[in-house]
């Protein structure tokens, strides 16, 4: 049983299935919010970088070669394509979709933590 938000975050990350995206696709890399715990794990971006990403409706961590923080990407990014409620627009998906209990736990976590716009 997780005792801290950091423990819960790690537990949830481990339960979300992964899959291989289409190389060069960034269709799900739009502006998202993430918990302050998740943001604390990411490199700091300037206000200008954040504003440019928001203007372009992308993520400030989306670089020319894709996600610059893929290993530390927020839970909401991990859910894209793994749930029927957040499908990949290109039909990519893991062999087994995320289970409802895990998805609900992710949304409870996100709803109970301070969210920061990336």
PDB file of N, CA and C in Angstrom:
ATOM      1  N   UNK A   1       0.848  -1.191   0.000  1.00  0.00           N
ATOM      2  CA  UNK A   1       0.000   0.000   0.000  1.00  0.00           C
ATOM      3  C   UNK A   1       0.884   1.242   0.000  1.00  0.00           C
ATOM      4  N   UNK A   2       0.713   2.139  -0.978  1.00  0.00           N
ATOM      5  CA  UNK A   2       1.523   3.365  -1.018  1.00  0.00           C
ATOM      6  C   UNK A   2       1.238   4.272   0.175  1.00  0.00           C
ATOM      7  N   UNK A   3       2.281   4.922   0.678  1.00  0.00           N
ATOM      8  CA  UNK A   3       2.142   5.775   1.845  1.00  0.00           C
ATOM      9  C   UNK A   3       2.210   7.251   1.509  1.00  0.00           C
ATOM     10  N   UNK A   4       2.853   7.599   0.412  1.00  0.00           N
ATOM     11  CA  UNK A   4       2.986   8.997   0.023  1.00  0.00           C
ATOM     12  C   UNK A   4       2.502   9.150  -1.412  1.00  0.00           C
ATOM     13  N   UNK A   5       2.313  10.389  -1.849  1.00  0.00           N
ATOM     14  CA  UNK A   5       1.948  10.620  -3.242  1.00  0.00           C
ATOM     15  C   UNK A   5       3.025  10.094  -4.180  1.00  0.00           C
ATOM     16  N   UNK A   6       4.280  10.211  -3.770  1.00  0.00           N
ATOM     17  CA  UNK A   6       5.373   9.703  -4.610  1.00  0.00           C
ATOM     18  C   UNK A   6       5.274   8.184  -4.761  1.00  0.00           C
ATOM     19  N   UNK A   7       4.947   7.499  -3.668  1.00  0.00           N
ATOM     20  CA  UNK A   7       4.770   6.041  -3.730  1.00  0.00           C
ATOM     21  C   UNK A   7       3.593   5.676  -4.631  1.00  0.00           C
ATOM     22  N   UNK A   8       2.484   6.396  -4.469  1.00  0.00           N
ATOM     23  CA  UNK A   8       1.301   6.134  -5.284  1.00  0.00           C
ATOM     24  C   UNK A   8       1.594   6.406  -6.758  1.00  0.00           C
ATOM     25  N   UNK A   9       2.288   7.480  -7.026  1.00  0.00           N
ATOM     26  CA  UNK A   9       2.662   7.826  -8.391  1.00  0.00           C
ATOM     27  C   UNK A   9       3.460   6.695  -9.033  1.00  0.00           C
ATOM     28  N   UNK A  10       4.451   6.187  -8.334  1.00  0.00           N
ATOM     29  CA  UNK A  10       5.265   5.082  -8.861  1.00  0.00           C
ATOM     30  C   UNK A  10       4.421   3.832  -9.078  1.00  0.00           C
ATOM     31  N   UNK A  11       3.547   3.537  -8.137  1.00  0.00           N
ATOM     32  CA  UNK A  11       2.684   2.366  -8.246  1.00  0.00           C
ATOM     33  C   UNK A  11       1.783   2.468  -9.476  1.00  0.00           C
ATOM     34  N   UNK A  12       1.198   3.621  -9.689  1.00  0.00           N
ATOM     35  CA  UNK A  12       0.317   3.815 -10.843  1.00  0.00           C
ATOM     36  C   UNK A  12       1.094   3.743 -12.155  1.00  0.00           C
ATOM     37  N   UNK A  13       2.263   4.336 -12.180  1.00  0.00           N
ATOM     38  CA  UNK A  13       3.080   4.309 -13.400  1.00  0.00           C
ATOM     39  C   UNK A  13       3.389   2.875 -13.812  1.00  0.00           C
ATOM     40  N   UNK A  14       3.659   2.019 -12.842  1.00  0.00           N
ATOM     41  CA  UNK A  14       3.991   0.622 -13.126  1.00  0.00           C
ATOM     42  C   UNK A  14       2.800  -0.160 -13.666  1.00  0.00           C
ATOM     43  N   UNK A  15       1.579   0.284 -13.356  1.00  0.00           N
ATOM     44  CA  UNK A  15       0.377  -0.455 -13.751  1.00  0.00           C
ATOM     45  C   UNK A  15      -0.183  -0.051 -15.111  1.00  0.00           C
ATOM     46  N   UNK A  16       0.305   1.041 -15.670  1.00  0.00           N
ATOM     47  CA  UNK A  16      -0.192   1.488 -16.969  1.00  0.00           C
ATOM     48  C   UNK A  16       0.617   0.789 -18.067  1.00  0.00           C
ATOM     49  N   UNK A  17      -0.059   0.057 -18.955  1.00  0.00           N
ATOM     50  CA  UNK A  17       0.678  -0.652 -20.000  1.00  0.00           C
ATOM     51  C   UNK A  17       1.337   0.312 -20.980  1.00  0.00           C
ATOM     52  N   UNK A  18       2.358  -0.170 -21.651  1.00  0.00           N
ATOM     53  CA  UNK A  18       3.055   0.635 -22.648  1.00  0.00           C
ATOM     54  C   UNK A  18       2.822   0.034 -24.032  1.00  0.00           C
ATOM     55  N   UNK A  19       3.099   0.826 -25.029  1.00  0.00           N
ATOM     56  CA  UNK A  19       3.010   0.348 -26.403  1.00  0.00           C
ATOM     57  C   UNK A  19       3.911   1.210 -27.267  1.00  0.00           C
ATOM     58  N   UNK A  20       4.186   0.746 -28.453  1.00  0.00           N
ATOM     59  CA  UNK A  20       5.066   1.465 -29.376  1.00  0.00           C
ATOM     60  C   UNK A  20       4.222   2.423 -30.209  1.00  0.00           C
ATOM     61  N   UNK A  21       4.597   3.695 -30.151  1.00  0.00           N
ATOM     62  CA  UNK A  21       3.917   4.727 -30.945  1.00  0.00           C
ATOM     63  C   UNK A  21       4.450   4.720 -32.368  1.00  0.00           C
ATOM     64  N   UNK A  22       3.747   5.416 -33.239  1.00  0.00           N
ATOM     65  CA  UNK A  22       4.219   5.627 -34.603  1.00  0.00           C
ATOM     66  C   UNK A  22       5.361   6.643 -34.526  1.00  0.00           C
ATOM     67  N   UNK A  23       6.492   6.294 -35.106  1.00  0.00           N
ATOM     68  CA  UNK A  23       7.649   7.190 -35.076  1.00  0.00           C
ATOM     69  C   UNK A  23       7.280   8.527 -35.700  1.00  0.00           C
ATOM     70  N   UNK A  24       7.577   9.593 -34.994  1.00  0.00           N
ATOM     71  CA  UNK A  24       7.304  10.938 -35.493  1.00  0.00           C
ATOM     72  C   UNK A  24       5.924  11.465 -35.179  1.00  0.00           C
ATOM     73  N   UNK A  25       5.052  10.640 -34.627  1.00  0.00           N
ATOM     74  CA  UNK A  25       3.701  11.085 -34.290  1.00  0.00           C
ATOM     75  C   UNK A  25       3.728  11.827 -32.955  1.00  0.00           C
ATOM     76  N   UNK A  26       3.010  12.921 -32.901  1.00  0.00           N
ATOM     77  CA  UNK A  26       2.902  13.699 -31.666  1.00  0.00           C
ATOM     78  C   UNK A  26       1.460  14.141 -31.459  1.00  0.00           C
ATOM     79  N   UNK A  27       0.515  13.359 -31.983  1.00  0.00           N
ATOM     80  CA  UNK A  27      -0.893  13.742 -31.944  1.00  0.00           C
ATOM     81  C   UNK A  27      -1.448  13.883 -30.527  1.00  0.00           C
ATOM     82  N   UNK A  28      -0.873  13.199 -29.562  1.00  0.00           N
ATOM     83  CA  UNK A  28      -1.382  13.291 -28.192  1.00  0.00           C
ATOM     84  C   UNK A  28      -0.544  14.235 -27.325  1.00  0.00           C
ATOM     85  N   UNK A  29       0.383  14.945 -27.935  1.00  0.00           N
ATOM     86  CA  UNK A  29       1.304  15.806 -27.182  1.00  0.00           C
ATOM     87  C   UNK A  29       0.811  17.244 -27.116  1.00  0.00           C
ATOM     88  N   UNK A  30      -0.382  17.417 -26.638  1.00  0.00           N
ATOM     89  CA  UNK A  30      -0.942  18.755 -26.505  1.00  0.00           C
ATOM     90  C   UNK A  30      -0.764  19.272 -25.098  1.00  0.00           C
ATOM     91  N   UNK A  31      -1.307  20.426 -24.824  1.00  0.00           N
ATOM     92  CA  UNK A  31      -1.231  20.951 -23.455  1.00  0.00           C
ATOM     93  C   UNK A  31      -1.972  20.010 -22.501  1.00  0.00           C
ATOM     94  N   UNK A  32      -1.333  19.660 -21.421  1.00  0.00           N
ATOM     95  CA  UNK A  32      -1.945  18.828 -20.385  1.00  0.00           C
ATOM     96  C   UNK A  32      -1.593  19.413 -19.025  1.00  0.00           C
ATOM     97  N   UNK A  33      -2.296  18.939 -18.024  1.00  0.00           N
ATOM     98  CA  UNK A  33      -1.910  19.269 -16.660  1.00  0.00           C
ATOM     99  C   UNK A  33      -1.294  18.039 -16.037  1.00  0.00           C
ATOM    100  N   UNK A  34      -0.472  18.273 -15.043  1.00  0.00           N
ATOM    101  CA  UNK A  34       0.180  17.196 -14.311  1.00  0.00           C
ATOM    102  C   UNK A  34       0.230  17.596 -12.844  1.00  0.00           C
ATOM    103  N   UNK A  35       0.343  16.615 -11.982  1.00  0.00           N
ATOM    104  CA  UNK A  35       0.426  16.908 -10.555  1.00  0.00           C
ATOM    105  C   UNK A  35       1.745  17.620 -10.256  1.00  0.00           C
ATOM    106  N   UNK A  36       1.748  18.379  -9.186  1.00  0.00           N
ATOM    107  CA  UNK A  36       2.980  19.082  -8.816  1.00  0.00           C
ATOM    108  C   UNK A  36       4.106  18.087  -8.543  1.00  0.00           C
ATOM    109  N   UNK A  37       3.770  16.886  -8.047  1.00  0.00           N
ATOM    110  CA  UNK A  37       4.787  15.854  -7.824  1.00  0.00           C
ATOM    111  C   UNK A  37       5.436  15.435  -9.139  1.00  0.00           C
ATOM    112  N   UNK A  38       4.611  15.306 -10.190  1.00  0.00           N
ATOM    113  CA  UNK A  38       5.152  14.924 -11.491  1.00  0.00           C
ATOM    114  C   UNK A  38       5.985  16.053 -12.084  1.00  0.00           C
ATOM    115  N   UNK A  39       5.495  17.280 -11.973  1.00  0.00           N
ATOM    116  CA  UNK A  39       6.204  18.429 -12.528  1.00  0.00           C
ATOM    117  C   UNK A  39       7.562  18.601 -11.851  1.00  0.00           C
ATOM    118  N   UNK A  40       7.635  18.305 -10.567  1.00  0.00           N
ATOM    119  CA  UNK A  40       8.895  18.447  -9.834  1.00  0.00           C
ATOM    120  C   UNK A  40       9.976  17.519 -10.391  1.00  0.00           C
ATOM    121  N   UNK A  41       9.599  16.475 -11.087  1.00  0.00           N
ATOM    122  CA  UNK A  41      10.549  15.520 -11.652  1.00  0.00           C
ATOM    123  C   UNK A  41      11.031  15.936 -13.042  1.00  0.00           C
ATOM    124  N   UNK A  42      10.419  16.981 -13.600  1.00  0.00           N
ATOM    125  CA  UNK A  42      10.743  17.418 -14.957  1.00  0.00           C
ATOM    126  C   UNK A  42      11.717  18.582 -14.943  1.00  0.00           C
ATOM    127  N   UNK A  43      12.503  18.743 -16.007  1.00  0.00           N
ATOM    128  CA  UNK A  43      13.380  19.910 -16.094  1.00  0.00           C
ATOM    129  C   UNK A  43      12.538  21.185 -16.156  1.00  0.00           C
ATOM    130  N   UNK A  44      13.079  22.256 -15.635  1.00  0.00           N
ATOM    131  CA  UNK A  44      12.380  23.538 -15.639  1.00  0.00           C
ATOM    132  C   UNK A  44      12.409  24.128 -17.049  1.00  0.00           C
ATOM    133  N   UNK A  45      11.264  24.600 -17.494  1.00  0.00           N
ATOM    134  CA  UNK A  45      11.162  25.283 -18.783  1.00  0.00           C
ATOM    135  C   UNK A  45      10.877  26.752 -18.513  1.00  0.00           C
ATOM    136  N   UNK A  46      11.321  27.604 -19.389  1.00  0.00           N
ATOM    137  CA  UNK A  46      11.123  29.049 -19.218  1.00  0.00           C
ATOM    138  C   UNK A  46       9.667  29.417 -19.495  1.00  0.00           C
ATOM    139  N   UNK A  47       9.273  30.584 -19.031  1.00  0.00           N
ATOM    140  CA  UNK A  47       7.932  31.091 -19.334  1.00  0.00           C
ATOM    141  C   UNK A  47       7.735  31.193 -20.842  1.00  0.00           C
ATOM    142  N   UNK A  48       8.777  31.607 -21.552  1.00  0.00           N
ATOM    143  CA  UNK A  48       8.703  31.724 -23.011  1.00  0.00           C
ATOM    144  C   UNK A  48       8.434  30.364 -23.654  1.00  0.00           C
ATOM    145  N   UNK A  49       9.116  29.326 -23.180  1.00  0.00           N
ATOM    146  CA  UNK A  49       8.897  27.979 -23.722  1.00  0.00           C
ATOM    147  C   UNK A  49       7.473  27.508 -23.455  1.00  0.00           C
ATOM    148  N   UNK A  50       6.972  27.787 -22.263  1.00  0.00           N
ATOM    149  CA  UNK A  50       5.596  27.421 -21.926  1.00  0.00           C
ATOM    150  C   UNK A  50       4.602  28.177 -22.799  1.00  0.00           C
ATOM    151  N   UNK A  51       4.817  29.469 -22.979  1.00  0.00           N
ATOM    152  CA  UNK A  51       3.912  30.286 -23.795  1.00  0.00           C
ATOM    153  C   UNK A  51       3.924  29.839 -25.255  1.00  0.00           C
ATOM    154  N   UNK A  52       5.093  29.530 -25.782  1.00  0.00           N
ATOM    155  CA  UNK A  52       5.208  29.077 -27.175  1.00  0.00           C
ATOM    156  C   UNK A  52       4.460  27.749 -27.358  1.00  0.00           C
ATOM    157  N   UNK A  53       4.623  26.840 -26.414  1.00  0.00           N
ATOM    158  CA  UNK A  53       3.934  25.547 -26.496  1.00  0.00           C
ATOM    159  C   UNK A  53       2.415  25.735 -26.426  1.00  0.00           C
ATOM    160  N   UNK A  54       1.969  26.587 -25.531  1.00  0.00           N
ATOM    161  CA  UNK A  54       0.535  26.826 -25.395  1.00  0.00           C
ATOM    162  C   UNK A  54      -0.022  27.459 -26.670  1.00  0.00           C
ATOM    163  N   UNK A  55       0.700  28.393 -27.253  1.00  0.00           N
ATOM    164  CA  UNK A  55       0.286  29.024 -28.511  1.00  0.00           C
ATOM    165  C   UNK A  55       0.173  27.985 -29.622  1.00  0.00           C
ATOM    166  N   UNK A  56       1.114  27.036 -29.636  1.00  0.00           N
ATOM    167  CA  UNK A  56       1.130  25.990 -30.661  1.00  0.00           C
ATOM    168  C   UNK A  56       0.260  24.787 -30.293  1.00  0.00           C
ATOM    169  N   UNK A  57      -0.378  24.842 -29.110  1.00  0.00           N
ATOM    170  CA  UNK A  57      -1.188  23.725 -28.590  1.00  0.00           C
ATOM    171  C   UNK A  57      -0.385  22.428 -28.535  1.00  0.00           C
ATOM    172  N   UNK A  58       0.848  22.544 -28.053  1.00  0.00           N
ATOM    173  CA  UNK A  58       1.713  21.381 -27.860  1.00  0.00           C
ATOM    174  C   UNK A  58       2.184  21.356 -26.412  1.00  0.00           C
ATOM    175  N   UNK A  59       3.148  20.547 -26.147  1.00  0.00           N
ATOM    176  CA  UNK A  59       3.739  20.417 -24.819  1.00  0.00           C
ATOM    177  C   UNK A  59       5.128  21.052 -24.839  1.00  0.00           C
ATOM    178  N   UNK A  60       5.517  21.748 -23.791  1.00  0.00           N
ATOM    179  CA  UNK A  60       6.852  22.348 -23.795  1.00  0.00           C
ATOM    180  C   UNK A  60       7.980  21.314 -23.788  1.00  0.00           C
ATOM    181  N   UNK A  61       7.646  20.058 -23.516  1.00  0.00           N
ATOM    182  CA  UNK A  61       8.662  19.000 -23.498  1.00  0.00           C
ATOM    183  C   UNK A  61       8.710  18.217 -24.806  1.00  0.00           C
ATOM    184  N   UNK A  62       7.953  18.677 -25.804  1.00  0.00           N
ATOM    185  CA  UNK A  62       7.986  18.049 -27.116  1.00  0.00           C
ATOM    186  C   UNK A  62       9.103  18.684 -27.928  1.00  0.00           C
ATOM    187  N   UNK A  63      10.113  17.888 -28.226  1.00  0.00           N
ATOM    188  CA  UNK A  63      11.245  18.368 -29.010  1.00  0.00           C
ATOM    189  C   UNK A  63      11.177  17.866 -30.433  1.00  0.00           C
ATOM    190  N   UNK A  64      12.174  18.162 -31.216  1.00  0.00           N
ATOM    191  CA  UNK A  64      12.180  17.754 -32.627  1.00  0.00           C
ATOM    192  C   UNK A  64      12.229  16.238 -32.790  1.00  0.00           C
ATOM    193  N   UNK A  65      12.726  15.537 -31.780  1.00  0.00           N
ATOM    194  CA  UNK A  65      12.793  14.076 -31.848  1.00  0.00           C
ATOM    195  C   UNK A  65      11.732  13.399 -30.982  1.00  0.00           C
ATOM    196  N   UNK A  66      10.739  14.154 -30.548  1.00  0.00           N
ATOM    197  CA  UNK A  66       9.676  13.574 -29.725  1.00  0.00           C
ATOM    198  C   UNK A  66       9.735  14.071 -28.295  1.00  0.00           C
ATOM    199  N   UNK A  67       9.168  13.295 -27.411  1.00  0.00           N
ATOM    200  CA  UNK A  67       9.091  13.671 -25.999  1.00  0.00           C
ATOM    201  C   UNK A  67      10.487  13.669 -25.371  1.00  0.00           C
ATOM    202  N   UNK A  68      10.857  14.811 -24.835  1.00  0.00           N
ATOM    203  CA  UNK A  68      12.179  14.948 -24.208  1.00  0.00           C
ATOM    204  C   UNK A  68      12.224  14.362 -22.799  1.00  0.00           C
ATOM    205  N   UNK A  69      11.060  14.047 -22.249  1.00  0.00           N
ATOM    206  CA  UNK A  69      10.989  13.538 -20.867  1.00  0.00           C
ATOM    207  C   UNK A  69      10.209  12.229 -20.823  1.00  0.00           C
ATOM    208  N   UNK A  70      10.319  11.436 -21.872  1.00  0.00           N
ATOM    209  CA  UNK A  70       9.486  10.242 -22.017  1.00  0.00           C
ATOM    210  C   UNK A  70       9.510   9.346 -20.780  1.00  0.00           C
ATOM    211  N   UNK A  71      10.658   9.108 -20.207  1.00  0.00           N
ATOM    212  CA  UNK A  71      10.749   8.227 -19.032  1.00  0.00           C
ATOM    213  C   UNK A  71      10.044   8.828 -17.820  1.00  0.00           C
ATOM    214  N   UNK A  72       9.917  10.138 -17.782  1.00  0.00           N
ATOM    215  CA  UNK A  72       9.275  10.826 -16.658  1.00  0.00           C
ATOM    216  C   UNK A  72       7.935  11.450 -17.047  1.00  0.00           C
ATOM    217  N   UNK A  73       7.401  11.085 -18.212  1.00  0.00           N
ATOM    218  CA  UNK A  73       6.160  11.705 -18.672  1.00  0.00           C
ATOM    219  C   UNK A  73       5.047  11.523 -17.634  1.00  0.00           C
ATOM    220  N   UNK A  74       4.159  12.506 -17.541  1.00  0.00           N
ATOM    221  CA  UNK A  74       3.080  12.450 -16.554  1.00  0.00           C
ATOM    222  C   UNK A  74       2.103  11.293 -16.787  1.00  0.00           C
ATOM    223  N   UNK A  75       1.348  10.988 -15.755  1.00  0.00           N
ATOM    224  CA  UNK A  75       0.372   9.900 -15.821  1.00  0.00           C
ATOM    225  C   UNK A  75      -0.613  10.079 -16.971  1.00  0.00           C
ATOM    226  N   UNK A  76      -1.105  11.296 -17.168  1.00  0.00           N
ATOM    227  CA  UNK A  76      -2.098  11.510 -18.220  1.00  0.00           C
ATOM    228  C   UNK A  76      -1.510  11.176 -19.581  1.00  0.00           C
ATOM    229  N   UNK A  77      -0.238  11.470 -19.780  1.00  0.00           N
ATOM    230  CA  UNK A  77       0.422  11.131 -21.038  1.00  0.00           C
ATOM    231  C   UNK A  77       0.543   9.613 -21.179  1.00  0.00           C
ATOM    232  N   UNK A  78       0.800   8.934 -20.080  1.00  0.00           N
ATOM    233  CA  UNK A  78       0.921   7.483 -20.096  1.00  0.00           C
ATOM    234  C   UNK A  78      -0.414   6.812 -20.416  1.00  0.00           C
ATOM    235  N   UNK A  79      -1.515   7.451 -20.021  1.00  0.00           N
ATOM    236  CA  UNK A  79      -2.837   6.879 -20.278  1.00  0.00           C
ATOM    237  C   UNK A  79      -3.254   6.968 -21.744  1.00  0.00           C
ATOM    238  N   UNK A  80      -2.775   8.012 -22.462  1.00  0.00           N
ATOM    239  CA  UNK A  80      -3.173   8.154 -23.862  1.00  0.00           C
ATOM    240  C   UNK A  80      -2.878   6.879 -24.632  1.00  0.00           C
ATOM    241  N   UNK A  81      -3.885   6.371 -25.312  1.00  0.00           N
ATOM    242  CA  UNK A  81      -3.728   5.172 -26.125  1.00  0.00           C
ATOM    243  C   UNK A  81      -3.873   3.876 -25.360  1.00  0.00           C
ATOM    244  N   UNK A  82      -3.946   3.938 -24.036  1.00  0.00           N
ATOM    245  CA  UNK A  82      -4.062   2.708 -23.246  1.00  0.00           C
ATOM    246  C   UNK A  82      -5.471   2.501 -22.723  1.00  0.00           C
ATOM    247  N   UNK A  83      -6.359   3.466 -22.984  1.00  0.00           N
ATOM    248  CA  UNK A  83      -7.727   3.419 -22.490  1.00  0.00           C
ATOM    249  C   UNK A  83      -8.690   3.747 -23.621  1.00  0.00           C
ATOM    250  N   UNK A  84      -9.840   3.071 -23.669  1.00  0.00           N
ATOM    251  CA  UNK A  84     -10.840   3.436 -24.679  1.00  0.00           C
ATOM    252  C   UNK A  84     -11.317   4.879 -24.525  1.00  0.00           C
ATOM    253  N   UNK A  85     -11.166   5.452 -23.326  1.00  0.00           N
ATOM    254  CA  UNK A  85     -11.589   6.827 -23.085  1.00  0.00           C
ATOM    255  C   UNK A  85     -10.560   7.851 -23.596  1.00  0.00           C
ATOM    256  N   UNK A  86      -9.324   7.409 -23.828  1.00  0.00           N
ATOM    257  CA  UNK A  86      -8.257   8.264 -24.356  1.00  0.00           C
ATOM    258  C   UNK A  86      -7.557   7.532 -25.503  1.00  0.00           C
ATOM    259  N   UNK A  87      -8.282   7.271 -26.585  1.00  0.00           N
ATOM    260  CA  UNK A  87      -7.698   6.459 -27.658  1.00  0.00           C
ATOM    261  C   UNK A  87      -6.632   7.205 -28.458  1.00  0.00           C
ATOM    262  N   UNK A  88      -5.715   6.451 -28.964  1.00  0.00           N
ATOM    263  CA  UNK A  88      -4.731   6.989 -29.899  1.00  0.00           C
ATOM    264  C   UNK A  88      -5.472   7.310 -31.196  1.00  0.00           C
ATOM    265  N   UNK A  89      -5.310   8.515 -31.734  1.00  0.00           N
ATOM    266  CA  UNK A  89      -6.005   8.861 -32.980  1.00  0.00           C
ATOM    267  C   UNK A  89      -5.540   8.040 -34.180  1.00  0.00           C
ATOM    268  N   UNK A  90      -4.413   7.341 -34.030  1.00  0.00           N
ATOM    269  CA  UNK A  90      -3.889   6.504 -35.115  1.00  0.00           C
ATOM    270  C   UNK A  90      -4.122   5.020 -34.876  1.00  0.00           C
ATOM    271  N   UNK A  91      -4.902   4.700 -33.842  1.00  0.00           N
ATOM    272  CA  UNK A  91      -5.258   3.308 -33.589  1.00  0.00           C
ATOM    273  C   UNK A  91      -4.196   2.473 -32.900  1.00  0.00           C
ATOM    274  N   UNK A  92      -3.118   3.085 -32.440  1.00  0.00           N
ATOM    275  CA  UNK A  92      -2.088   2.320 -31.736  1.00  0.00           C
ATOM    276  C   UNK A  92      -2.589   2.032 -30.327  1.00  0.00           C
ATOM    277  N   UNK A  93      -2.132   0.917 -29.743  1.00  0.00           N
ATOM    278  CA  UNK A  93      -2.556   0.546 -28.399  1.00  0.00           C
ATOM    279  C   UNK A  93      -1.709  -0.617 -27.897  1.00  0.00           C
ATOM    280  N   UNK A  94      -1.725  -0.816 -26.581  1.00  0.00           N
ATOM    281  CA  UNK A  94      -1.022  -1.991 -26.058  1.00  0.00           C
ATOM    282  C   UNK A  94      -1.851  -3.252 -26.321  1.00  0.00           C
ATOM    283  N   UNK A  95      -1.251  -4.392 -26.136  1.00  0.00           N
ATOM    284  CA  UNK A  95      -1.974  -5.655 -26.292  1.00  0.00           C
ATOM    285  C   UNK A  95      -3.145  -5.685 -25.313  1.00  0.00           C
ATOM    286  N   UNK A  96      -2.902  -5.320 -24.068  1.00  0.00           N
ATOM    287  CA  UNK A  96      -3.938  -5.264 -23.043  1.00  0.00           C
ATOM    288  C   UNK A  96      -4.094  -3.831 -22.587  1.00  0.00           C
ATOM    289  N   UNK A  97      -5.310  -3.331 -22.672  1.00  0.00           N
ATOM    290  CA  UNK A  97      -5.587  -1.957 -22.251  1.00  0.00           C
ATOM    291  C   UNK A  97      -5.483  -1.850 -20.729  1.00  0.00           C
ATOM    292  N   UNK A  98      -5.347  -0.616 -20.242  1.00  0.00           N
ATOM    293  CA  UNK A  98      -5.273  -0.384 -18.801  1.00  0.00           C
ATOM    294  C   UNK A  98      -6.571  -0.876 -18.164  1.00  0.00           C
ATOM    295  N   UNK A  99      -6.473  -1.465 -16.994  1.00  0.00           N
ATOM    296  CA  UNK A  99      -7.683  -1.943 -16.324  1.00  0.00           C
ATOM    297  C   UNK A  99      -8.427  -0.766 -15.699  1.00  0.00           C
ATOM    298  N   UNK A 100      -9.730  -0.916 -15.562  1.00  0.00           N
ATOM    299  CA  UNK A 100     -10.575   0.174 -15.045  1.00  0.00           C
ATOM    300  C   UNK A 100     -10.156   0.630 -13.655  1.00  0.00           C
ATOM    301  N   UNK A 101      -9.745  -0.299 -12.806  1.00  0.00           N
ATOM    302  CA  UNK A 101      -9.349   0.059 -11.443  1.00  0.00           C
ATOM    303  C   UNK A 101      -8.143   0.993 -11.454  1.00  0.00           C
ATOM    304  N   UNK A 102      -7.167   0.686 -12.284  1.00  0.00           N
ATOM    305  CA  UNK A 102      -5.972   1.538 -12.389  1.00  0.00           C
ATOM    306  C   UNK A 102      -6.335   2.888 -12.985  1.00  0.00           C
ATOM    307  N   UNK A 103      -7.131   2.891 -14.048  1.00  0.00           N
ATOM    308  CA  UNK A 103      -7.509   4.165 -14.669  1.00  0.00           C
ATOM    309  C   UNK A 103      -8.269   5.046 -13.677  1.00  0.00           C
ATOM    310  N   UNK A 104      -9.182   4.460 -12.930  1.00  0.00           N
ATOM    311  CA  UNK A 104      -9.920   5.232 -11.930  1.00  0.00           C
ATOM    312  C   UNK A 104      -8.985   5.755 -10.846  1.00  0.00           C
ATOM    313  N   UNK A 105      -8.010   4.949 -10.442  1.00  0.00           N
ATOM    314  CA  UNK A 105      -7.040   5.379  -9.427  1.00  0.00           C
ATOM    315  C   UNK A 105      -6.196   6.549  -9.949  1.00  0.00           C
ATOM    316  N   UNK A 106      -5.832   6.514 -11.236  1.00  0.00           N
ATOM    317  CA  UNK A 106      -5.080   7.623 -11.829  1.00  0.00           C
ATOM    318  C   UNK A 106      -5.918   8.897 -11.763  1.00  0.00           C
ATOM    319  N   UNK A 107      -7.178   8.817 -12.165  1.00  0.00           N
ATOM    320  CA  UNK A 107      -8.038  10.002 -12.151  1.00  0.00           C
ATOM    321  C   UNK A 107      -8.298  10.503 -10.726  1.00  0.00           C
ATOM    322  N   UNK A 108      -8.405   9.591  -9.765  1.00  0.00           N
ATOM    323  CA  UNK A 108      -8.550  10.009  -8.357  1.00  0.00           C
ATOM    324  C   UNK A 108      -7.295  10.737  -7.890  1.00  0.00           C
ATOM    325  N   UNK A 109      -6.130  10.196  -8.251  1.00  0.00           N
ATOM    326  CA  UNK A 109      -4.861  10.834  -7.889  1.00  0.00           C
ATOM    327  C   UNK A 109      -4.788  12.229  -8.489  1.00  0.00           C
ATOM    328  N   UNK A 110      -5.089  12.336  -9.778  1.00  0.00           N
ATOM    329  CA  UNK A 110      -5.019  13.634 -10.448  1.00  0.00           C
ATOM    330  C   UNK A 110      -6.032  14.611  -9.856  1.00  0.00           C
ATOM    331  N   UNK A 111      -7.196  14.111  -9.473  1.00  0.00           N
ATOM    332  CA  UNK A 111      -8.219  14.965  -8.883  1.00  0.00           C
ATOM    333  C   UNK A 111      -7.913  15.395  -7.463  1.00  0.00           C
ATOM    334  N   UNK A 112      -7.019  14.680  -6.808  1.00  0.00           N
ATOM    335  CA  UNK A 112      -6.713  14.984  -5.400  1.00  0.00           C
ATOM    336  C   UNK A 112      -5.411  15.762  -5.222  1.00  0.00           C
ATOM    337  N   UNK A 113      -4.716  16.028  -6.334  1.00  0.00           N
ATOM    338  CA  UNK A 113      -3.438  16.730  -6.249  1.00  0.00           C
ATOM    339  C   UNK A 113      -3.512  18.057  -6.979  1.00  0.00           C
ATOM    340  N   UNK A 114      -2.642  18.956  -6.608  1.00  0.00           N
ATOM    341  CA  UNK A 114      -2.556  20.255  -7.288  1.00  0.00           C
ATOM    342  C   UNK A 114      -2.066  20.011  -8.713  1.00  0.00           C
ATOM    343  N   UNK A 115      -2.793  20.533  -9.687  1.00  0.00           N
ATOM    344  CA  UNK A 115      -2.442  20.346 -11.093  1.00  0.00           C
ATOM    345  C   UNK A 115      -1.757  21.588 -11.647  1.00  0.00           C
ATOM    346  N   UNK A 116      -0.767  21.367 -12.488  1.00  0.00           N
ATOM    347  CA  UNK A 116       0.008  22.428 -13.102  1.00  0.00           C
ATOM    348  C   UNK A 116      -0.074  22.251 -14.610  1.00  0.00           C
ATOM    349  N   UNK A 117      -0.350  23.340 -15.322  1.00  0.00           N
ATOM    350  CA  UNK A 117      -0.389  23.285 -16.783  1.00  0.00           C
ATOM    351  C   UNK A 117       1.035  23.180 -17.311  1.00  0.00           C
ATOM    352  N   UNK A 118       1.258  22.170 -18.165  1.00  0.00           N
ATOM    353  CA  UNK A 118       2.582  22.034 -18.781  1.00  0.00           C
ATOM    354  C   UNK A 118       2.661  22.894 -20.016  1.00  0.00           C
TER     355      UNK A 118
END
